[in-house]
C-alpha cells in the first residue's frame, strides 16, 4: 500500500475552536501529532449508525452515505484526500440498514500520540445518527474487510396486531401470528457450509463472488412481541440475510414447511426462492451487530497511542454557592 509524503499536522479547529465540547490550545493539539517518515500508520474505527436516512454505507456523492460523511469528517480533520486516507469498511450495508459494530480502517502518513481529540472531533462533525464508538491503532496486516473471520447480523420483527411506534425504524412489523418454533427449526437448517446462490440478489458490483458460506449459528429469540433473528457466518452474499428472513417469515406464517430450506439451497437458483417469497425482508429491520477478526490482526502496534472509547466528563469543582 502506497502512502503520500508526510502531510502537515492535521487541525481539529474551526475558527480557533476545537470541534468538541471542550476547547484546547493549538500547541496542545499539535503535540498530539507526530509527522512520520514515508511509512503509513493504520487506524481502526468501530462505528454505529441509524441507517434510516442514508443510502447505505458505500461511498457516493448524493444521496448521502455513511462512508461519504465519515470521509468528509476525516478529510476536514486530517487535511488528507480520499486517495490518501483509503477508507475501507468491513461490509456494504444497504440503504436503510443499521449498524452497531461496523468496522473500517484508514491510513495517515503521520502518527498520533493521543486519539481522544480526533475521536471527539469526528463525532463533533458527524450527524447524530452516526457515532464512532472506538478508535485504535492497527497493525499493517489488519484490513477491515479481508481480515474478517465472521460477521453477526440481527433482524428484528415486531409480531403484534399494531406496530410499536418506538420500534418502527428498527423492526419489521408482521401482524400475522408467527410460529416461532417452526422458524427456529427452519433456521437451524441454514447452519453449516452451503452454496447460498439461491438466496443472493445479483449486482453488477459483485463480480463472481464465492457462493460457499458457512453459517455457524442462527438463533431465533422471542422477547414478548419482538423477535430477534441473529445469524453469524463467515460472510454473506448480497441481500442473503434479508432473503433468508423472508423465507423464515413464510414458514412462521405456516404457509410453508421447514423442509423447504434444504430444497431451495439445493437448487442454487434465486428464481426458485422467488416462487415462495418475491421480495427480501425490508431493510430497516436489519443491523450489522459485530465483525470478528483474526486474533493476530487485532494486535496493537508497539508504542501506539491508547485506544479511545470516548471521553467521560466529570465535575471537578462545585459551582453552586454554599448557604
C-alpha atoms as a PDB file:
ATOM      1  CA  UNK A   1       0.000   0.000   0.000  1.00  0.00           C
ATOM      2  CA  UNK A   2       1.457   3.322  -1.038  1.00  0.00           C
ATOM      3  CA  UNK A   3       1.232   6.414   1.072  1.00  0.00           C
ATOM      4  CA  UNK A   4       1.651  10.091   0.281  1.00  0.00           C
ATOM      5  CA  UNK A   5       4.503  12.176   1.606  1.00  0.00           C
ATOM      6  CA  UNK A   6       4.034  13.249   5.218  1.00  0.00           C
ATOM      7  CA  UNK A   7       1.360  15.916   5.477  1.00  0.00           C
ATOM      8  CA  UNK A   8       1.358  18.859   7.803  1.00  0.00           C
ATOM      9  CA  UNK A   9      -0.090  18.080  11.238  1.00  0.00           C
ATOM     10  CA  UNK A  10      -3.887  17.957  10.987  1.00  0.00           C
ATOM     11  CA  UNK A  11      -6.031  20.666  12.500  1.00  0.00           C
ATOM     12  CA  UNK A  12      -9.101  19.902  14.578  1.00  0.00           C
ATOM     13  CA  UNK A  13     -10.007  23.549  14.723  1.00  0.00           C
ATOM     14  CA  UNK A  14     -12.585  25.771  13.085  1.00  0.00           C
ATOM     15  CA  UNK A  15     -12.102  29.482  13.785  1.00  0.00           C
ATOM     16  CA  UNK A  16      -9.747  28.536  16.601  1.00  0.00           C
ATOM     17  CA  UNK A  17     -12.221  26.301  18.459  1.00  0.00           C
ATOM     18  CA  UNK A  18     -11.893  22.554  18.855  1.00  0.00           C
ATOM     19  CA  UNK A  19     -14.848  20.642  17.440  1.00  0.00           C
ATOM     20  CA  UNK A  20     -15.847  19.104  20.752  1.00  0.00           C
ATOM     21  CA  UNK A  21     -17.488  20.221  23.949  1.00  0.00           C
ATOM     22  CA  UNK A  22     -14.136  21.294  25.436  1.00  0.00           C
ATOM     23  CA  UNK A  23     -11.566  23.657  23.930  1.00  0.00           C
ATOM     24  CA  UNK A  24      -7.834  23.084  23.865  1.00  0.00           C
ATOM     25  CA  UNK A  25      -4.840  25.073  22.673  1.00  0.00           C
ATOM     26  CA  UNK A  26      -3.192  24.744  19.263  1.00  0.00           C
ATOM     27  CA  UNK A  27       0.115  23.954  20.976  1.00  0.00           C
ATOM     28  CA  UNK A  28      -1.505  21.103  22.898  1.00  0.00           C
ATOM     29  CA  UNK A  29      -3.247  19.816  19.775  1.00  0.00           C
ATOM     30  CA  UNK A  30      -0.093  19.820  17.658  1.00  0.00           C
ATOM     31  CA  UNK A  31       1.702  17.908  20.379  1.00  0.00           C
ATOM     32  CA  UNK A  32      -0.681  15.003  19.706  1.00  0.00           C
ATOM     33  CA  UNK A  33       0.634  14.563  16.151  1.00  0.00           C
ATOM     34  CA  UNK A  34       3.976  13.178  15.026  1.00  0.00           C
ATOM     35  CA  UNK A  35       4.932  13.662  11.395  1.00  0.00           C
ATOM     36  CA  UNK A  36       6.402  10.342  10.311  1.00  0.00           C
ATOM     37  CA  UNK A  37       8.871   9.020   7.811  1.00  0.00           C
ATOM     38  CA  UNK A  38       7.320   7.923   4.493  1.00  0.00           C
ATOM     39  CA  UNK A  39       5.701   4.877   6.154  1.00  0.00           C
ATOM     40  CA  UNK A  40       1.956   4.702   6.826  1.00  0.00           C
ATOM     41  CA  UNK A  41       0.014   4.475  10.059  1.00  0.00           C
ATOM     42  CA  UNK A  42      -3.211   2.498  10.060  1.00  0.00           C
ATOM     43  CA  UNK A  43      -6.241   3.244  12.247  1.00  0.00           C
ATOM     44  CA  UNK A  44      -9.262   1.073  13.046  1.00  0.00           C
ATOM     45  CA  UNK A  45     -12.734   2.536  13.658  1.00  0.00           C
ATOM     46  CA  UNK A  46     -15.812   0.879  15.184  1.00  0.00           C
ATOM     47  CA  UNK A  47     -18.926   2.737  14.020  1.00  0.00           C
ATOM     48  CA  UNK A  48     -22.626   2.686  14.931  1.00  0.00           C
ATOM     49  CA  UNK A  49     -25.324   4.279  12.796  1.00  0.00           C
ATOM     50  CA  UNK A  50     -29.053   4.515  12.290  1.00  0.00           C
ATOM     51  CA  UNK A  51     -29.311   3.855   8.559  1.00  0.00           C
ATOM     52  CA  UNK A  52     -32.818   5.304   8.130  1.00  0.00           C
ATOM     53  CA  UNK A  53     -31.720   8.478   6.312  1.00  0.00           C
ATOM     54  CA  UNK A  54     -28.727   7.074   4.430  1.00  0.00           C
ATOM     55  CA  UNK A  55     -28.301   5.401   1.038  1.00  0.00           C
ATOM     56  CA  UNK A  56     -26.232   2.647   2.628  1.00  0.00           C
ATOM     57  CA  UNK A  57     -22.556   2.518   3.592  1.00  0.00           C
ATOM     58  CA  UNK A  58     -20.799   2.641   0.215  1.00  0.00           C
ATOM     59  CA  UNK A  59     -19.375   5.990  -0.914  1.00  0.00           C
ATOM     60  CA  UNK A  60     -21.343   8.130  -3.341  1.00  0.00           C
ATOM     61  CA  UNK A  61     -21.733  11.869  -3.671  1.00  0.00           C
ATOM     62  CA  UNK A  62     -25.525  12.041  -3.365  1.00  0.00           C
ATOM     63  CA  UNK A  63     -27.720  10.979  -1.640  1.00  0.00           C
ATOM     64  CA  UNK A  64     -25.523  10.843   1.467  1.00  0.00           C
ATOM     65  CA  UNK A  65     -23.973   7.567   2.585  1.00  0.00           C
ATOM     66  CA  UNK A  66     -22.266   6.715   5.857  1.00  0.00           C
ATOM     67  CA  UNK A  67     -18.862   6.340   4.200  1.00  0.00           C
ATOM     68  CA  UNK A  68     -19.122   9.678   2.373  1.00  0.00           C
ATOM     69  CA  UNK A  69     -19.945  11.548   5.587  1.00  0.00           C
ATOM     70  CA  UNK A  70     -17.210   9.783   7.539  1.00  0.00           C
ATOM     71  CA  UNK A  71     -14.673  10.564   4.802  1.00  0.00           C
ATOM     72  CA  UNK A  72     -15.764  14.199   4.761  1.00  0.00           C
ATOM     73  CA  UNK A  73     -15.126  14.448   8.509  1.00  0.00           C
ATOM     74  CA  UNK A  74     -11.732  12.713   8.234  1.00  0.00           C
ATOM     75  CA  UNK A  75     -10.668  14.960   5.338  1.00  0.00           C
ATOM     76  CA  UNK A  76     -11.577  18.045   7.408  1.00  0.00           C
ATOM     77  CA  UNK A  77      -9.596  16.789  10.413  1.00  0.00           C
ATOM     78  CA  UNK A  78      -6.526  15.285   8.745  1.00  0.00           C
ATOM     79  CA  UNK A  79      -6.285  17.604   5.700  1.00  0.00           C
ATOM     80  CA  UNK A  80      -5.724  14.483   3.573  1.00  0.00           C
ATOM     81  CA  UNK A  81      -7.638  13.494   0.440  1.00  0.00           C
ATOM     82  CA  UNK A  82      -9.770  10.392  -0.182  1.00  0.00           C
ATOM     83  CA  UNK A  83      -6.953   8.693  -2.105  1.00  0.00           C
ATOM     84  CA  UNK A  84      -4.602   9.240   0.824  1.00  0.00           C
ATOM     85  CA  UNK A  85      -6.987   8.119   3.562  1.00  0.00           C
ATOM     86  CA  UNK A  86      -8.011   4.913   1.720  1.00  0.00           C
ATOM     87  CA  UNK A  87     -11.025   4.378   3.992  1.00  0.00           C
ATOM     88  CA  UNK A  88     -12.363   0.805   3.748  1.00  0.00           C
ATOM     89  CA  UNK A  89     -15.389  -0.698   5.513  1.00  0.00           C
ATOM     90  CA  UNK A  90     -15.955  -4.290   6.615  1.00  0.00           C
ATOM     91  CA  UNK A  91     -19.153  -4.555   4.591  1.00  0.00           C
ATOM     92  CA  UNK A  92     -21.550  -2.595   2.403  1.00  0.00           C
ATOM     93  CA  UNK A  93     -24.812  -2.242   4.282  1.00  0.00           C
ATOM     94  CA  UNK A  94     -27.801  -1.351   2.089  1.00  0.00           C
ATOM     95  CA  UNK A  95     -29.929   1.787   2.252  1.00  0.00           C
ATOM     96  CA  UNK A  96     -31.951   1.761   5.470  1.00  0.00           C
ATOM     97  CA  UNK A  97     -29.832  -0.936   7.168  1.00  0.00           C
ATOM     98  CA  UNK A  98     -28.349  -0.101  10.584  1.00  0.00           C
ATOM     99  CA  UNK A  99     -25.075  -0.986  12.303  1.00  0.00           C
ATOM    100  CA  UNK A 100     -23.846  -1.218  15.861  1.00  0.00           C
ATOM    101  CA  UNK A 101     -20.450  -2.709  15.049  1.00  0.00           C
ATOM    102  CA  UNK A 102     -19.426  -1.651  11.540  1.00  0.00           C
ATOM    103  CA  UNK A 103     -15.628  -1.608  11.261  1.00  0.00           C
ATOM    104  CA  UNK A 104     -13.456   0.493   8.961  1.00  0.00           C
ATOM    105  CA  UNK A 105      -9.810   1.455   8.621  1.00  0.00           C
ATOM    106  CA  UNK A 106      -7.904   4.396   7.162  1.00  0.00           C
ATOM    107  CA  UNK A 107      -4.247   5.389   6.877  1.00  0.00           C
ATOM    108  CA  UNK A 108      -2.224   8.541   7.551  1.00  0.00           C
ATOM    109  CA  UNK A 109       1.433   9.441   6.910  1.00  0.00           C
ATOM    110  CA  UNK A 110       1.674  10.783  10.474  1.00  0.00           C
ATOM    111  CA  UNK A 111       1.251   9.191  13.876  1.00  0.00           C
ATOM    112  CA  UNK A 112      -0.916  10.329  16.802  1.00  0.00           C
ATOM    113  CA  UNK A 113       0.241  10.316  20.409  1.00  0.00           C
ATOM    114  CA  UNK A 114      -3.376  10.501  21.630  1.00  0.00           C
ATOM    115  CA  UNK A 115      -6.651   9.517  19.951  1.00  0.00           C
ATOM    116  CA  UNK A 116      -9.169  11.178  22.276  1.00  0.00           C
ATOM    117  CA  UNK A 117      -9.137  14.525  20.452  1.00  0.00           C
ATOM    118  CA  UNK A 118      -9.584  13.106  16.950  1.00  0.00           C
ATOM    119  CA  UNK A 119     -12.347  10.872  18.347  1.00  0.00           C
ATOM    120  CA  UNK A 120     -14.185  13.863  19.855  1.00  0.00           C
ATOM    121  CA  UNK A 121     -13.680  15.877  16.660  1.00  0.00           C
ATOM    122  CA  UNK A 122     -15.052  13.128  14.431  1.00  0.00           C
ATOM    123  CA  UNK A 123     -18.235  12.802  16.472  1.00  0.00           C
ATOM    124  CA  UNK A 124     -18.491  16.575  16.582  1.00  0.00           C
ATOM    125  CA  UNK A 125     -18.519  16.743  12.782  1.00  0.00           C
ATOM    126  CA  UNK A 126     -20.727  13.716  12.086  1.00  0.00           C
ATOM    127  CA  UNK A 127     -24.530  13.841  12.253  1.00  0.00           C
ATOM    128  CA  UNK A 128     -26.031  12.425  15.433  1.00  0.00           C
ATOM    129  CA  UNK A 129     -27.231   9.246  13.716  1.00  0.00           C
ATOM    130  CA  UNK A 130     -23.586   8.248  13.094  1.00  0.00           C
ATOM    131  CA  UNK A 131     -21.230   7.691  16.052  1.00  0.00           C
ATOM    132  CA  UNK A 132     -17.646   6.500  16.102  1.00  0.00           C
ATOM    133  CA  UNK A 133     -17.597   4.190  19.127  1.00  0.00           C
ATOM    134  CA  UNK A 134     -13.912   3.365  19.147  1.00  0.00           C
ATOM    135  CA  UNK A 135     -10.618   4.375  17.506  1.00  0.00           C
ATOM    136  CA  UNK A 136      -7.446   2.332  17.808  1.00  0.00           C
ATOM    137  CA  UNK A 137      -4.123   1.861  16.055  1.00  0.00           C
ATOM    138  CA  UNK A 138      -3.892  -1.181  13.789  1.00  0.00           C
ATOM    139  CA  UNK A 139      -1.039  -3.371  12.609  1.00  0.00           C
ATOM    140  CA  UNK A 140      -0.184  -3.212   8.875  1.00  0.00           C
ATOM    141  CA  UNK A 141      -1.693  -6.685   8.328  1.00  0.00           C
ATOM    142  CA  UNK A 142      -5.141  -5.577   9.512  1.00  0.00           C
ATOM    143  CA  UNK A 143      -7.752  -5.000   6.823  1.00  0.00           C
ATOM    144  CA  UNK A 144     -11.331  -4.136   7.754  1.00  0.00           C
ATOM    145  CA  UNK A 145     -12.712  -6.412   5.032  1.00  0.00           C
ATOM    146  CA  UNK A 146     -10.147  -9.133   4.325  1.00  0.00           C
ATOM    147  CA  UNK A 147      -9.103  -9.818   7.940  1.00  0.00           C
ATOM    148  CA  UNK A 148     -12.716 -10.624   8.814  1.00  0.00           C
ATOM    149  CA  UNK A 149     -13.359 -14.060  10.336  1.00  0.00           C
ATOM    150  CA  UNK A 150     -17.138 -13.750  10.709  1.00  0.00           C
ATOM    151  CA  UNK A 151     -19.998 -11.248  10.858  1.00  0.00           C
ATOM    152  CA  UNK A 152     -23.060 -11.138  13.075  1.00  0.00           C
ATOM    153  CA  UNK A 153     -26.327  -9.705  11.755  1.00  0.00           C
ATOM    154  CA  UNK A 154     -29.575  -9.276  13.668  1.00  0.00           C
ATOM    155  CA  UNK A 155     -33.002  -8.928  12.074  1.00  0.00           C
ATOM    156  CA  UNK A 156     -35.883  -7.675  14.238  1.00  0.00           C
ATOM    157  CA  UNK A 157     -39.549  -8.473  13.660  1.00  0.00           C
ATOM    158  CA  UNK A 158     -42.313  -6.865  15.692  1.00  0.00           C
ATOM    159  CA  UNK A 159     -45.036  -9.507  15.794  1.00  0.00           C
ATOM    160  CA  UNK A 160     -48.251  -7.955  17.066  1.00  0.00           C
ATOM    161  CA  UNK A 161     -51.529  -6.567  15.755  1.00  0.00           C
ATOM    162  CA  UNK A 162     -50.178  -2.998  15.678  1.00  0.00           C
ATOM    163  CA  UNK A 163     -46.678  -1.595  15.432  1.00  0.00           C
ATOM    164  CA  UNK A 164     -44.882  -0.159  18.444  1.00  0.00           C
ATOM    165  CA  UNK A 165     -44.132   3.407  17.223  1.00  0.00           C
ATOM    166  CA  UNK A 166     -40.809   3.387  19.081  1.00  0.00           C
ATOM    167  CA  UNK A 167     -39.694   0.325  17.062  1.00  0.00           C
ATOM    168  CA  UNK A 168     -40.871   1.482  13.638  1.00  0.00           C
ATOM    169  CA  UNK A 169     -37.388   2.369  12.326  1.00  0.00           C
ATOM    170  CA  UNK A 170     -35.700  -0.683  13.836  1.00  0.00           C
ATOM    171  CA  UNK A 171     -38.063  -3.603  13.269  1.00  0.00           C
ATOM    172  CA  UNK A 172     -40.268  -5.030  10.527  1.00  0.00           C
ATOM    173  CA  UNK A 173     -43.935  -5.206  11.514  1.00  0.00           C
ATOM    174  CA  UNK A 174     -45.658  -8.541  10.897  1.00  0.00           C
ATOM    175  CA  UNK A 175     -49.297  -8.671  12.014  1.00  0.00           C
ATOM    176  CA  UNK A 176     -49.608 -12.399  11.230  1.00  0.00           C
ATOM    177  CA  UNK A 177     -49.147 -14.602  14.294  1.00  0.00           C
ATOM    178  CA  UNK A 178     -45.814 -16.350  13.705  1.00  0.00           C
ATOM    179  CA  UNK A 179     -44.982 -19.879  14.822  1.00  0.00           C
ATOM    180  CA  UNK A 180     -41.602 -19.252  16.451  1.00  0.00           C
ATOM    181  CA  UNK A 181     -40.820 -22.949  16.962  1.00  0.00           C
ATOM    182  CA  UNK A 182     -41.237 -23.590  13.224  1.00  0.00           C
ATOM    183  CA  UNK A 183     -38.952 -20.633  12.468  1.00  0.00           C
ATOM    184  CA  UNK A 184     -36.269 -21.988  14.835  1.00  0.00           C
ATOM    185  CA  UNK A 185     -36.485 -25.404  13.222  1.00  0.00           C
ATOM    186  CA  UNK A 186     -36.048 -23.895   9.759  1.00  0.00           C
ATOM    187  CA  UNK A 187     -33.262 -21.509  10.844  1.00  0.00           C
ATOM    188  CA  UNK A 188     -31.204 -24.474  12.089  1.00  0.00           C
ATOM    189  CA  UNK A 189     -31.291 -25.925   8.582  1.00  0.00           C
ATOM    190  CA  UNK A 190     -29.197 -22.981   7.319  1.00  0.00           C
ATOM    191  CA  UNK A 191     -26.345 -23.892   9.709  1.00  0.00           C
ATOM    192  CA  UNK A 192     -23.278 -25.372   8.026  1.00  0.00           C
ATOM    193  CA  UNK A 193     -21.405 -24.755   4.800  1.00  0.00           C
ATOM    194  CA  UNK A 194     -23.715 -24.288   1.824  1.00  0.00           C
ATOM    195  CA  UNK A 195     -23.881 -22.716  -1.612  1.00  0.00           C
ATOM    196  CA  UNK A 196     -26.211 -19.751  -0.977  1.00  0.00           C
ATOM    197  CA  UNK A 197     -26.703 -18.762  -4.631  1.00  0.00           C
ATOM    198  CA  UNK A 198     -30.469 -19.241  -4.277  1.00  0.00           C
ATOM    199  CA  UNK A 199     -30.560 -16.591  -1.516  1.00  0.00           C
ATOM    200  CA  UNK A 200     -28.457 -13.924  -3.239  1.00  0.00           C
ATOM    201  CA  UNK A 201     -29.598 -10.986  -5.348  1.00  0.00           C
ATOM    202  CA  UNK A 202     -27.219 -10.291  -8.223  1.00  0.00           C
ATOM    203  CA  UNK A 203     -25.461  -6.925  -8.526  1.00  0.00           C
ATOM    204  CA  UNK A 204     -23.017  -5.587 -11.070  1.00  0.00           C
ATOM    205  CA  UNK A 205     -20.551  -4.850  -8.247  1.00  0.00           C
ATOM    206  CA  UNK A 206     -20.404  -8.481  -7.133  1.00  0.00           C
ATOM    207  CA  UNK A 207     -18.260  -9.762  -9.992  1.00  0.00           C
ATOM    208  CA  UNK A 208     -18.065 -13.518  -9.366  1.00  0.00           C
ATOM    209  CA  UNK A 209     -18.445 -13.886  -5.584  1.00  0.00           C
ATOM    210  CA  UNK A 210     -17.818 -17.192  -3.821  1.00  0.00           C
ATOM    211  CA  UNK A 211     -21.311 -18.522  -3.044  1.00  0.00           C
ATOM    212  CA  UNK A 212     -19.997 -21.011  -0.451  1.00  0.00           C
ATOM    213  CA  UNK A 213     -20.579 -19.549   3.010  1.00  0.00           C
ATOM    214  CA  UNK A 214     -20.551 -21.107   6.466  1.00  0.00           C
ATOM    215  CA  UNK A 215     -23.327 -20.279   8.939  1.00  0.00           C
ATOM    216  CA  UNK A 216     -22.191 -21.106  12.479  1.00  0.00           C
ATOM    217  CA  UNK A 217     -25.410 -20.153  14.275  1.00  0.00           C
ATOM    218  CA  UNK A 218     -28.878 -18.853  13.508  1.00  0.00           C
ATOM    219  CA  UNK A 219     -30.813 -18.002  16.670  1.00  0.00           C
ATOM    220  CA  UNK A 220     -34.484 -17.032  16.858  1.00  0.00           C
ATOM    221  CA  UNK A 221     -35.058 -15.194  20.150  1.00  0.00           C
ATOM    222  CA  UNK A 222     -38.528 -14.209  21.319  1.00  0.00           C
ATOM    223  CA  UNK A 223     -38.953 -11.256  23.700  1.00  0.00           C
ATOM    224  CA  UNK A 224     -42.705 -10.831  24.012  1.00  0.00           C
ATOM    225  CA  UNK A 225     -43.790  -9.197  20.705  1.00  0.00           C
ATOM    226  CA  UNK A 226     -40.228  -8.666  19.469  1.00  0.00           C
ATOM    227  CA  UNK A 227     -38.451 -11.439  17.569  1.00  0.00           C
ATOM    228  CA  UNK A 228     -34.697 -11.230  17.030  1.00  0.00           C
ATOM    229  CA  UNK A 229     -33.190 -13.420  14.318  1.00  0.00           C
ATOM    230  CA  UNK A 230     -29.429 -13.373  14.881  1.00  0.00           C
ATOM    231  CA  UNK A 231     -27.155 -15.073  12.369  1.00  0.00           C
ATOM    232  CA  UNK A 232     -23.373 -15.444  12.365  1.00  0.00           C
ATOM    233  CA  UNK A 233     -21.483 -16.504   9.271  1.00  0.00           C
ATOM    234  CA  UNK A 234     -18.126 -16.439   7.523  1.00  0.00           C
ATOM    235  CA  UNK A 235     -19.623 -13.980   5.038  1.00  0.00           C
ATOM    236  CA  UNK A 236     -22.872 -13.127   3.311  1.00  0.00           C
ATOM    237  CA  UNK A 237     -23.897 -12.600  -0.298  1.00  0.00           C
ATOM    238  CA  UNK A 238     -25.839  -9.536  -1.416  1.00  0.00           C
ATOM    239  CA  UNK A 239     -29.174  -9.469   0.476  1.00  0.00           C
ATOM    240  CA  UNK A 240     -28.653 -13.048   1.659  1.00  0.00           C
ATOM    241  CA  UNK A 241     -29.747 -12.344   5.255  1.00  0.00           C
ATOM    242  CA  UNK A 242     -32.900 -10.485   4.209  1.00  0.00           C
ATOM    243  CA  UNK A 243     -33.818 -13.275   1.777  1.00  0.00           C
ATOM    244  CA  UNK A 244     -33.321 -15.943   4.456  1.00  0.00           C
ATOM    245  CA  UNK A 245     -35.503 -13.949   6.861  1.00  0.00           C
ATOM    246  CA  UNK A 246     -38.225 -13.526   4.213  1.00  0.00           C
ATOM    247  CA  UNK A 247     -38.425 -17.300   3.839  1.00  0.00           C
ATOM    248  CA  UNK A 248     -38.463 -17.828   7.626  1.00  0.00           C
ATOM    249  CA  UNK A 249     -41.396 -15.409   7.900  1.00  0.00           C
ATOM    250  CA  UNK A 250     -43.360 -17.503   5.377  1.00  0.00           C
ATOM    251  CA  UNK A 251     -42.539 -20.610   7.415  1.00  0.00           C
ATOM    252  CA  UNK A 252     -43.561 -18.771  10.608  1.00  0.00           C
ATOM    253  CA  UNK A 253     -46.917 -17.965   8.996  1.00  0.00           C
ATOM    254  CA  UNK A 254     -47.200 -21.737   8.390  1.00  0.00           C
ATOM    255  CA  UNK A 255     -47.567 -21.127   4.655  1.00  0.00           C
ATOM    256  CA  UNK A 256     -44.515 -23.389   4.114  1.00  0.00           C
ATOM    257  CA  UNK A 257     -42.843 -26.293   5.908  1.00  0.00           C
ATOM    258  CA  UNK A 258     -39.285 -26.039   7.191  1.00  0.00           C
ATOM    259  CA  UNK A 259     -38.047 -28.707   4.734  1.00  0.00           C
ATOM    260  CA  UNK A 260     -38.330 -26.065   2.007  1.00  0.00           C
ATOM    261  CA  UNK A 261     -34.947 -24.651   3.184  1.00  0.00           C
ATOM    262  CA  UNK A 262     -32.674 -27.533   2.036  1.00  0.00           C
ATOM    263  CA  UNK A 263     -34.740 -27.931  -1.114  1.00  0.00           C
ATOM    264  CA  UNK A 264     -34.164 -24.294  -2.174  1.00  0.00           C
ATOM    265  CA  UNK A 265     -30.494 -24.409  -1.168  1.00  0.00           C
ATOM    266  CA  UNK A 266     -30.007 -27.468  -3.381  1.00  0.00           C
ATOM    267  CA  UNK A 267     -31.299 -25.660  -6.480  1.00  0.00           C
ATOM    268  CA  UNK A 268     -28.680 -22.844  -6.216  1.00  0.00           C
ATOM    269  CA  UNK A 269     -31.183 -20.758  -8.176  1.00  0.00           C
ATOM    270  CA  UNK A 270     -32.605 -17.417  -6.978  1.00  0.00           C
ATOM    271  CA  UNK A 271     -35.667 -17.985  -9.184  1.00  0.00           C
ATOM    272  CA  UNK A 272     -36.625 -20.938  -7.016  1.00  0.00           C
ATOM    273  CA  UNK A 273     -36.798 -18.777  -3.887  1.00  0.00           C
ATOM    274  CA  UNK A 274     -38.908 -16.238  -5.822  1.00  0.00           C
ATOM    275  CA  UNK A 275     -41.650 -18.870  -6.173  1.00  0.00           C
ATOM    276  CA  UNK A 276     -42.237 -18.701  -2.419  1.00  0.00           C
ATOM    277  CA  UNK A 277     -41.275 -15.156  -1.471  1.00  0.00           C
ATOM    278  CA  UNK A 278     -40.847 -12.485  -4.121  1.00  0.00           C
ATOM    279  CA  UNK A 279     -39.090  -9.758  -2.107  1.00  0.00           C
ATOM    280  CA  UNK A 280     -36.431  -9.670   0.635  1.00  0.00           C
ATOM    281  CA  UNK A 281     -37.496  -8.540   4.095  1.00  0.00           C
ATOM    282  CA  UNK A 282     -37.450  -4.723   4.434  1.00  0.00           C
ATOM    283  CA  UNK A 283     -34.006  -3.234   5.177  1.00  0.00           C
ATOM    284  CA  UNK A 284     -34.923  -1.294   8.345  1.00  0.00           C
ATOM    285  CA  UNK A 285     -35.176  -4.485  10.424  1.00  0.00           C
ATOM    286  CA  UNK A 286     -31.545  -5.421   9.760  1.00  0.00           C
ATOM    287  CA  UNK A 287     -28.495  -4.427  11.818  1.00  0.00           C
ATOM    288  CA  UNK A 288     -24.813  -5.340  11.488  1.00  0.00           C
ATOM    289  CA  UNK A 289     -24.088  -6.197  15.128  1.00  0.00           C
ATOM    290  CA  UNK A 290     -20.380  -7.054  15.055  1.00  0.00           C
ATOM    291  CA  UNK A 291     -17.444  -8.088  12.913  1.00  0.00           C
ATOM    292  CA  UNK A 292     -14.998 -10.676  14.274  1.00  0.00           C
ATOM    293  CA  UNK A 293     -11.365 -10.757  13.188  1.00  0.00           C
ATOM    294  CA  UNK A 294      -8.294 -12.940  13.203  1.00  0.00           C
ATOM    295  CA  UNK A 295      -6.705 -12.501  16.638  1.00  0.00           C
ATOM    296  CA  UNK A 296      -3.207 -11.680  15.363  1.00  0.00           C
ATOM    297  CA  UNK A 297      -4.630  -8.918  13.157  1.00  0.00           C
ATOM    298  CA  UNK A 298      -6.148  -7.237  16.231  1.00  0.00           C
ATOM    299  CA  UNK A 299      -2.803  -6.833  17.992  1.00  0.00           C
ATOM    300  CA  UNK A 300      -1.834  -3.230  18.752  1.00  0.00           C
ATOM    301  CA  UNK A 301       1.441  -1.942  17.256  1.00  0.00           C
ATOM    302  CA  UNK A 302       4.333  -1.270  19.621  1.00  0.00           C
ATOM    303  CA  UNK A 303       4.399   2.273  21.004  1.00  0.00           C
ATOM    304  CA  UNK A 304       0.943   3.128  19.683  1.00  0.00           C
ATOM    305  CA  UNK A 305      -1.448   5.552  21.433  1.00  0.00           C
ATOM    306  CA  UNK A 306      -4.049   4.190  23.837  1.00  0.00           C
ATOM    307  CA  UNK A 307      -7.328   3.088  22.235  1.00  0.00           C
ATOM    308  CA  UNK A 308     -10.027   5.748  22.531  1.00  0.00           C
ATOM    309  CA  UNK A 309     -13.528   4.752  23.659  1.00  0.00           C
ATOM    310  CA  UNK A 310     -14.636   8.369  24.035  1.00  0.00           C
ATOM    311  CA  UNK A 311     -14.298  10.804  26.886  1.00  0.00           C
ATOM    312  CA  UNK A 312     -16.188  10.761  30.157  1.00  0.00           C
ATOM    313  CA  UNK A 313     -16.609  14.195  31.678  1.00  0.00           C
ATOM    314  CA  UNK A 314     -16.828  14.812  35.411  1.00  0.00           C
ATOM    315  CA  UNK A 315     -17.453  17.866  37.551  1.00  0.00           C
ATOM    316  CA  UNK A 316     -14.200  18.662  39.286  1.00  0.00           C
ATOM    317  CA  UNK A 317     -15.350  21.753  41.124  1.00  0.00           C
ATOM    318  CA  UNK A 318     -18.647  22.563  42.790  1.00  0.00           C
ATOM    319  CA  UNK A 319     -20.134  25.634  41.151  1.00  0.00           C
ATOM    320  CA  UNK A 320     -23.131  26.021  43.480  1.00  0.00           C
ATOM    321  CA  UNK A 321     -22.923  28.651  46.203  1.00  0.00           C
ATOM    322  CA  UNK A 322     -23.000  27.482  49.795  1.00  0.00           C
ATOM    323  CA  UNK A 323     -25.698  28.794  52.093  1.00  0.00           C
END
